[in-house]
């Protein structure tokens, strides 16, 4: 958890927004697409 928050801050992303989106999208994300949820690739939902 700490590493996700630190990575979000390092990428100038609001950690709360990133984590909320991560935990919302994680159950429906395939294993091939998990990298898109990491803070360095994360995009806010449209």
PDB file of N, CA and C in Angstrom:
ATOM      1  N   UNK A   1       0.833  -1.177   0.000  1.00  0.00           N
ATOM      2  CA  UNK A   1       0.000   0.000   0.000  1.00  0.00           C
ATOM      3  C   UNK A   1       0.883   1.248   0.000  1.00  0.00           C
ATOM      4  N   UNK A   2       1.908   1.234   0.841  1.00  0.00           N
ATOM      5  CA  UNK A   2       2.785   2.394   0.920  1.00  0.00           C
ATOM      6  C   UNK A   2       3.474   2.656  -0.418  1.00  0.00           C
ATOM      7  N   UNK A   3       3.883   1.609  -1.104  1.00  0.00           N
ATOM      8  CA  UNK A   3       4.575   1.795  -2.384  1.00  0.00           C
ATOM      9  C   UNK A   3       3.636   2.365  -3.446  1.00  0.00           C
ATOM     10  N   UNK A   4       2.361   1.983  -3.426  1.00  0.00           N
ATOM     11  CA  UNK A   4       1.397   2.555  -4.376  1.00  0.00           C
ATOM     12  C   UNK A   4       1.189   4.044  -4.107  1.00  0.00           C
ATOM     13  N   UNK A   5       1.088   4.409  -2.843  1.00  0.00           N
ATOM     14  CA  UNK A   5       0.913   5.820  -2.484  1.00  0.00           C
ATOM     15  C   UNK A   5       2.148   6.615  -2.865  1.00  0.00           C
ATOM     16  N   UNK A   6       3.315   6.088  -2.575  1.00  0.00           N
ATOM     17  CA  UNK A   6       4.567   6.775  -2.921  1.00  0.00           C
ATOM     18  C   UNK A   6       4.720   6.929  -4.425  1.00  0.00           C
ATOM     19  N   UNK A   7       4.376   5.898  -5.168  1.00  0.00           N
ATOM     20  CA  UNK A   7       4.463   5.965  -6.631  1.00  0.00           C
ATOM     21  C   UNK A   7       3.492   7.000  -7.189  1.00  0.00           C
ATOM     22  N   UNK A   8       2.305   7.059  -6.631  1.00  0.00           N
ATOM     23  CA  UNK A   8       1.331   8.055  -7.076  1.00  0.00           C
ATOM     24  C   UNK A   8       1.854   9.464  -6.828  1.00  0.00           C
ATOM     25  N   UNK A   9       2.376   9.696  -5.648  1.00  0.00           N
ATOM     26  CA  UNK A   9       2.927  11.026  -5.328  1.00  0.00           C
ATOM     27  C   UNK A   9       4.091  11.368  -6.251  1.00  0.00           C
ATOM     28  N   UNK A  10       4.940  10.400  -6.522  1.00  0.00           N
ATOM     29  CA  UNK A  10       6.103  10.622  -7.392  1.00  0.00           C
ATOM     30  C   UNK A  10       5.661  10.975  -8.815  1.00  0.00           C
ATOM     31  N   UNK A  11       4.511  10.452  -9.235  1.00  0.00           N
ATOM     32  CA  UNK A  11       3.978  10.735 -10.568  1.00  0.00           C
ATOM     33  C   UNK A  11       2.987  11.894 -10.573  1.00  0.00           C
ATOM     34  N   UNK A  12       2.952  12.625  -9.453  1.00  0.00           N
ATOM     35  CA  UNK A  12       2.079  13.799  -9.300  1.00  0.00           C
ATOM     36  C   UNK A  12       0.598  13.457  -9.504  1.00  0.00           C
ATOM     37  N   UNK A  13       0.195  12.359  -8.903  1.00  0.00           N
ATOM     38  CA  UNK A  13      -1.189  11.887  -8.950  1.00  0.00           C
ATOM     39  C   UNK A  13      -1.727  11.917  -7.522  1.00  0.00           C
ATOM     40  N   UNK A  14      -2.965  12.331  -7.379  1.00  0.00           N
ATOM     41  CA  UNK A  14      -3.616  12.308  -6.072  1.00  0.00           C
ATOM     42  C   UNK A  14      -3.774  10.851  -5.640  1.00  0.00           C
ATOM     43  N   UNK A  15      -3.093  10.424  -4.578  1.00  0.00           N
ATOM     44  CA  UNK A  15      -3.128   9.016  -4.177  1.00  0.00           C
ATOM     45  C   UNK A  15      -4.538   8.492  -3.890  1.00  0.00           C
ATOM     46  N   UNK A  16      -5.368   9.297  -3.277  1.00  0.00           N
ATOM     47  CA  UNK A  16      -6.722   8.848  -2.955  1.00  0.00           C
ATOM     48  C   UNK A  16      -7.515   8.547  -4.218  1.00  0.00           C
ATOM     49  N   UNK A  17      -7.427   9.415  -5.201  1.00  0.00           N
ATOM     50  CA  UNK A  17      -8.148   9.203  -6.461  1.00  0.00           C
ATOM     51  C   UNK A  17      -7.638   7.954  -7.167  1.00  0.00           C
ATOM     52  N   UNK A  18      -6.336   7.803  -7.185  1.00  0.00           N
ATOM     53  CA  UNK A  18      -5.729   6.643  -7.847  1.00  0.00           C
ATOM     54  C   UNK A  18      -6.141   5.345  -7.163  1.00  0.00           C
ATOM     55  N   UNK A  19      -6.064   5.295  -5.835  1.00  0.00           N
ATOM     56  CA  UNK A  19      -6.411   4.078  -5.109  1.00  0.00           C
ATOM     57  C   UNK A  19      -7.901   3.761  -5.200  1.00  0.00           C
ATOM     58  N   UNK A  20      -8.749   4.777  -5.117  1.00  0.00           N
ATOM     59  CA  UNK A  20     -10.186   4.536  -5.260  1.00  0.00           C
ATOM     60  C   UNK A  20     -10.493   3.936  -6.629  1.00  0.00           C
ATOM     61  N   UNK A  21      -9.894   4.493  -7.662  1.00  0.00           N
ATOM     62  CA  UNK A  21     -10.111   3.973  -9.004  1.00  0.00           C
ATOM     63  C   UNK A  21      -9.524   2.564  -9.141  1.00  0.00           C
ATOM     64  N   UNK A  22      -8.344   2.364  -8.597  1.00  0.00           N
ATOM     65  CA  UNK A  22      -7.698   1.052  -8.642  1.00  0.00           C
ATOM     66  C   UNK A  22      -8.594  -0.023  -8.035  1.00  0.00           C
ATOM     67  N   UNK A  23      -9.115   0.219  -6.832  1.00  0.00           N
ATOM     68  CA  UNK A  23      -9.930  -0.784  -6.159  1.00  0.00           C
ATOM     69  C   UNK A  23     -11.296  -0.952  -6.813  1.00  0.00           C
ATOM     70  N   UNK A  24     -11.750   0.047  -7.550  1.00  0.00           N
ATOM     71  CA  UNK A  24     -13.004  -0.074  -8.294  1.00  0.00           C
ATOM     72  C   UNK A  24     -12.812  -0.895  -9.555  1.00  0.00           C
ATOM     73  N   UNK A  25     -11.715  -0.642 -10.275  1.00  0.00           N
ATOM     74  CA  UNK A  25     -11.480  -1.303 -11.565  1.00  0.00           C
ATOM     75  C   UNK A  25     -10.789  -2.657 -11.449  1.00  0.00           C
ATOM     76  N   UNK A  26     -10.122  -2.924 -10.361  1.00  0.00           N
ATOM     77  CA  UNK A  26      -9.332  -4.148 -10.208  1.00  0.00           C
ATOM     78  C   UNK A  26     -10.135  -5.434 -10.415  1.00  0.00           C
ATOM     79  N   UNK A  27     -11.324  -5.583  -9.843  1.00  0.00           N
ATOM     80  CA  UNK A  27     -12.042  -6.851 -10.027  1.00  0.00           C
ATOM     81  C   UNK A  27     -12.397  -7.170 -11.479  1.00  0.00           C
ATOM     82  N   UNK A  28     -12.561  -6.166 -12.311  1.00  0.00           N
ATOM     83  CA  UNK A  28     -12.959  -6.425 -13.700  1.00  0.00           C
ATOM     84  C   UNK A  28     -11.812  -6.266 -14.699  1.00  0.00           C
ATOM     85  N   UNK A  29     -10.590  -6.135 -14.219  1.00  0.00           N
ATOM     86  CA  UNK A  29      -9.424  -5.989 -15.088  1.00  0.00           C
ATOM     87  C   UNK A  29      -8.741  -7.337 -15.258  1.00  0.00           C
ATOM     88  N   UNK A  30      -8.470  -7.684 -16.505  1.00  0.00           N
ATOM     89  CA  UNK A  30      -7.797  -8.965 -16.765  1.00  0.00           C
ATOM     90  C   UNK A  30      -6.330  -8.875 -16.348  1.00  0.00           C
ATOM     91  N   UNK A  31      -5.720 -10.026 -16.138  1.00  0.00           N
ATOM     92  CA  UNK A  31      -4.322 -10.044 -15.708  1.00  0.00           C
ATOM     93  C   UNK A  31      -3.398  -9.420 -16.752  1.00  0.00           C
ATOM     94  N   UNK A  32      -3.772  -9.492 -18.025  1.00  0.00           N
ATOM     95  CA  UNK A  32      -2.952  -8.896 -19.083  1.00  0.00           C
ATOM     96  C   UNK A  32      -2.968  -7.371 -19.017  1.00  0.00           C
ATOM     97  N   UNK A  33      -3.979  -6.773 -18.387  1.00  0.00           N
ATOM     98  CA  UNK A  33      -4.123  -5.319 -18.351  1.00  0.00           C
ATOM     99  C   UNK A  33      -3.832  -4.710 -16.981  1.00  0.00           C
ATOM    100  N   UNK A  34      -3.283  -5.479 -16.062  1.00  0.00           N
ATOM    101  CA  UNK A  34      -3.021  -4.949 -14.726  1.00  0.00           C
ATOM    102  C   UNK A  34      -2.017  -3.799 -14.729  1.00  0.00           C
ATOM    103  N   UNK A  35      -1.073  -3.808 -15.633  1.00  0.00           N
ATOM    104  CA  UNK A  35      -0.059  -2.756 -15.671  1.00  0.00           C
ATOM    105  C   UNK A  35      -0.666  -1.370 -15.884  1.00  0.00           C
ATOM    106  N   UNK A  36      -1.809  -1.292 -16.555  1.00  0.00           N
ATOM    107  CA  UNK A  36      -2.431   0.005 -16.792  1.00  0.00           C
ATOM    108  C   UNK A  36      -2.961   0.632 -15.500  1.00  0.00           C
ATOM    109  N   UNK A  37      -3.069  -0.146 -14.438  1.00  0.00           N
ATOM    110  CA  UNK A  37      -3.551   0.378 -13.162  1.00  0.00           C
ATOM    111  C   UNK A  37      -2.423   0.865 -12.257  1.00  0.00           C
ATOM    112  N   UNK A  38      -1.185   0.583 -12.632  1.00  0.00           N
ATOM    113  CA  UNK A  38      -0.053   1.064 -11.830  1.00  0.00           C
ATOM    114  C   UNK A  38       0.072   2.575 -11.953  1.00  0.00           C
ATOM    115  N   UNK A  39       0.534   3.250 -10.905  1.00  0.00           N
ATOM    116  CA  UNK A  39       0.557   4.716 -10.926  1.00  0.00           C
ATOM    117  C   UNK A  39       1.316   5.355 -12.089  1.00  0.00           C
ATOM    118  N   UNK A  40       2.357   4.709 -12.596  1.00  0.00           N
ATOM    119  CA  UNK A  40       3.096   5.323 -13.706  1.00  0.00           C
ATOM    120  C   UNK A  40       2.379   5.183 -15.041  1.00  0.00           C
ATOM    121  N   UNK A  41       1.315   4.358 -15.124  1.00  0.00           N
ATOM    122  CA  UNK A  41       0.524   4.201 -16.354  1.00  0.00           C
ATOM    123  C   UNK A  41      -0.922   4.627 -16.167  1.00  0.00           C
ATOM    124  N   UNK A  42      -1.310   4.920 -14.940  1.00  0.00           N
ATOM    125  CA  UNK A  42      -2.704   5.176 -14.607  1.00  0.00           C
ATOM    126  C   UNK A  42      -3.236   6.439 -15.278  1.00  0.00           C
ATOM    127  N   UNK A  43      -4.448   6.327 -15.781  1.00  0.00           N
ATOM    128  CA  UNK A  43      -5.172   7.462 -16.337  1.00  0.00           C
ATOM    129  C   UNK A  43      -6.502   7.560 -15.605  1.00  0.00           C
ATOM    130  N   UNK A  44      -6.905   8.775 -15.227  1.00  0.00           N
ATOM    131  CA  UNK A  44      -8.195   8.886 -14.541  1.00  0.00           C
ATOM    132  C   UNK A  44      -9.326   8.436 -15.454  1.00  0.00           C
ATOM    133  N   UNK A  45     -10.400   7.918 -14.863  1.00  0.00           N
ATOM    134  CA  UNK A  45     -11.518   7.471 -15.692  1.00  0.00           C
ATOM    135  C   UNK A  45     -12.118   8.632 -16.477  1.00  0.00           C
ATOM    136  N   UNK A  46     -12.577   8.322 -17.672  1.00  0.00           N
ATOM    137  CA  UNK A  46     -13.139   9.365 -18.546  1.00  0.00           C
ATOM    138  C   UNK A  46     -14.536   9.755 -18.125  1.00  0.00           C
TER     139      UNK A  46
END
